[in-house]
Amino acid sequence: MNRGNAEKALGKAQAQRGRRGDAMGSRRGLRIEHRVYECYLGGFHLTAESRSSYESRVSA
């Protein structure tokens, strides 16, 4: 998997969560992925955690 495929998966996940929230009547409480990151093993992952939150957690 490369970054392009990960970005495409992110868009699909966001759309799916949006449709699910609309079907429930509200998007409140839904955890929606916002960004892609590369792990130390070279794979890509989706996360709902903000970059600043991640960086402050890792540096602590």
N, C-alpha and C. Protein backbone atom coordinates (compact mmCIF):
# COMPACT_ATOMS: atom_id res chain seq x y z
N MET A 1 0.85 -1.18 0.00
CA MET A 1 0.00 0.00 0.00
C MET A 1 0.89 1.24 0.00
N ASN A 2 0.48 2.22 -0.75
CA ASN A 2 1.24 3.48 -0.76
C ASN A 2 0.36 4.61 -0.23
N ARG A 3 0.93 5.81 -0.12
CA ARG A 3 0.20 6.94 0.45
C ARG A 3 -1.05 7.26 -0.37
N GLY A 4 -0.97 7.14 -1.69
CA GLY A 4 -2.13 7.42 -2.54
C GLY A 4 -3.30 6.50 -2.24
N ASN A 5 -3.01 5.22 -2.09
CA ASN A 5 -4.06 4.25 -1.75
C ASN A 5 -4.63 4.54 -0.35
N ALA A 6 -3.76 4.94 0.56
CA ALA A 6 -4.21 5.25 1.92
C ALA A 6 -5.13 6.47 1.92
N GLU A 7 -4.78 7.49 1.12
CA GLU A 7 -5.62 8.69 1.02
C GLU A 7 -7.00 8.33 0.43
N LYS A 8 -6.99 7.44 -0.55
CA LYS A 8 -8.25 7.00 -1.16
C LYS A 8 -9.11 6.24 -0.14
N ALA A 9 -8.47 5.37 0.65
CA ALA A 9 -9.17 4.65 1.71
C ALA A 9 -9.73 5.60 2.76
N LEU A 10 -8.98 6.67 3.05
CA LEU A 10 -9.45 7.68 4.00
C LEU A 10 -10.73 8.34 3.48
N GLY A 11 -10.75 8.71 2.22
CA GLY A 11 -11.94 9.32 1.64
C GLY A 11 -13.14 8.39 1.69
N LYS A 12 -12.92 7.12 1.39
CA LYS A 12 -14.01 6.14 1.45
C LYS A 12 -14.52 5.97 2.88
N ALA A 13 -13.61 5.92 3.84
CA ALA A 13 -14.00 5.76 5.25
C ALA A 13 -14.80 6.97 5.73
N GLN A 14 -14.37 8.17 5.33
CA GLN A 14 -15.09 9.38 5.74
C GLN A 14 -16.48 9.40 5.14
N ALA A 15 -16.60 9.00 3.87
CA ALA A 15 -17.91 8.98 3.22
C ALA A 15 -18.82 7.95 3.88
N GLN A 16 -18.28 6.79 4.20
CA GLN A 16 -19.07 5.74 4.84
C GLN A 16 -19.56 6.19 6.21
N ARG A 17 -18.68 6.82 6.99
CA ARG A 17 -19.09 7.30 8.31
C ARG A 17 -20.15 8.40 8.18
N GLY A 18 -20.00 9.25 7.17
CA GLY A 18 -20.98 10.31 6.95
C GLY A 18 -22.35 9.75 6.61
N ARG A 19 -22.37 8.76 5.74
CA ARG A 19 -23.66 8.12 5.39
C ARG A 19 -24.27 7.44 6.59
N ARG A 20 -23.44 6.81 7.41
CA ARG A 20 -23.94 6.14 8.61
C ARG A 20 -24.54 7.15 9.58
N GLY A 21 -23.85 8.27 9.75
CA GLY A 21 -24.36 9.32 10.64
C GLY A 21 -25.66 9.90 10.13
N ASP A 22 -25.75 10.11 8.81
CA ASP A 22 -26.98 10.63 8.23
C ASP A 22 -28.13 9.64 8.41
N ALA A 23 -27.85 8.36 8.30
CA ALA A 23 -28.89 7.34 8.48
C ALA A 23 -29.37 7.30 9.92
N MET A 24 -28.47 7.57 10.86
CA MET A 24 -28.85 7.59 12.28
C MET A 24 -29.57 8.88 12.65
N GLY A 25 -29.42 9.91 11.81
CA GLY A 25 -30.07 11.18 12.08
C GLY A 25 -29.15 12.22 12.67
N SER A 26 -27.96 11.80 13.10
CA SER A 26 -27.00 12.74 13.68
C SER A 26 -25.61 12.15 13.57
N ARG A 27 -24.62 13.00 13.39
CA ARG A 27 -23.23 12.54 13.34
C ARG A 27 -22.54 12.70 14.69
N ARG A 28 -23.30 13.10 15.69
CA ARG A 28 -22.71 13.28 17.02
C ARG A 28 -22.20 11.96 17.55
N GLY A 29 -21.01 11.99 18.11
CA GLY A 29 -20.44 10.81 18.73
C GLY A 29 -19.72 9.87 17.78
N LEU A 30 -19.80 10.14 16.48
CA LEU A 30 -19.10 9.28 15.53
C LEU A 30 -17.62 9.63 15.51
N ARG A 31 -16.80 8.64 15.50
CA ARG A 31 -15.35 8.85 15.40
C ARG A 31 -14.99 8.76 13.92
N ILE A 32 -14.56 9.87 13.36
CA ILE A 32 -14.29 9.96 11.93
C ILE A 32 -12.79 10.13 11.71
N GLU A 33 -12.23 9.28 10.86
CA GLU A 33 -10.81 9.37 10.55
C GLU A 33 -10.53 10.68 9.81
N HIS A 34 -9.43 11.34 10.17
CA HIS A 34 -9.11 12.63 9.57
C HIS A 34 -7.79 12.65 8.82
N ARG A 35 -6.91 11.69 9.11
CA ARG A 35 -5.60 11.76 8.47
C ARG A 35 -5.00 10.37 8.33
N VAL A 36 -3.95 10.31 7.53
CA VAL A 36 -3.20 9.09 7.26
C VAL A 36 -1.81 9.27 7.83
N TYR A 37 -1.25 8.23 8.40
CA TYR A 37 0.14 8.31 8.84
C TYR A 37 0.86 7.01 8.49
N GLU A 38 2.17 7.10 8.36
CA GLU A 38 2.99 5.95 8.05
C GLU A 38 3.62 5.44 9.34
N CYS A 39 3.45 4.16 9.62
CA CYS A 39 4.03 3.60 10.84
C CYS A 39 5.50 3.25 10.61
N TYR A 40 6.17 2.89 11.67
CA TYR A 40 7.60 2.60 11.58
C TYR A 40 7.90 1.33 10.78
N LEU A 41 6.89 0.50 10.52
CA LEU A 41 7.09 -0.69 9.71
C LEU A 41 6.86 -0.43 8.22
N GLY A 42 6.47 0.79 7.88
CA GLY A 42 6.28 1.17 6.49
C GLY A 42 4.84 1.09 6.00
N GLY A 43 3.92 0.65 6.84
CA GLY A 43 2.51 0.60 6.46
C GLY A 43 1.82 1.92 6.72
N PHE A 44 0.65 2.09 6.14
CA PHE A 44 -0.13 3.31 6.34
C PHE A 44 -1.38 2.98 7.13
N HIS A 45 -1.77 3.91 8.00
CA HIS A 45 -2.92 3.73 8.87
C HIS A 45 -3.79 4.98 8.84
N LEU A 46 -5.08 4.79 9.12
CA LEU A 46 -6.02 5.90 9.24
C LEU A 46 -6.20 6.18 10.73
N THR A 47 -6.35 7.45 11.07
CA THR A 47 -6.55 7.80 12.47
C THR A 47 -7.46 9.02 12.60
N ALA A 48 -8.18 9.06 13.69
CA ALA A 48 -9.01 10.21 14.00
C ALA A 48 -8.26 11.19 14.90
N GLU A 49 -7.09 10.80 15.36
CA GLU A 49 -6.28 11.65 16.25
C GLU A 49 -5.61 12.77 15.46
N SER A 50 -5.65 13.96 16.00
CA SER A 50 -5.01 15.08 15.32
C SER A 50 -3.50 14.96 15.38
N ARG A 51 -2.83 15.60 14.46
CA ARG A 51 -1.37 15.55 14.42
C ARG A 51 -0.77 16.15 15.68
N SER A 52 -1.31 17.28 16.15
CA SER A 52 -0.76 17.93 17.34
C SER A 52 -0.95 17.05 18.58
N SER A 53 -2.08 16.37 18.70
CA SER A 53 -2.31 15.47 19.82
C SER A 53 -1.33 14.31 19.79
N TYR A 54 -1.12 13.75 18.60
CA TYR A 54 -0.17 12.65 18.45
C TYR A 54 1.25 13.08 18.81
N GLU A 55 1.68 14.22 18.29
CA GLU A 55 3.04 14.69 18.54
C GLU A 55 3.27 15.02 20.01
N SER A 56 2.27 15.58 20.68
CA SER A 56 2.44 15.90 22.10
C SER A 56 2.45 14.61 22.93
N ARG A 57 1.70 13.60 22.53
CA ARG A 57 1.68 12.32 23.25
C ARG A 57 3.00 11.58 23.08
N VAL A 58 3.55 11.60 21.87
CA VAL A 58 4.79 10.88 21.59
C VAL A 58 5.99 11.57 22.25
N SER A 59 6.00 12.88 22.28
CA SER A 59 7.15 13.60 22.84
C SER A 59 7.16 13.56 24.37
N ALA A 60 6.05 13.26 24.97
CA ALA A 60 5.97 13.24 26.45
C ALA A 60 6.55 11.99 27.05
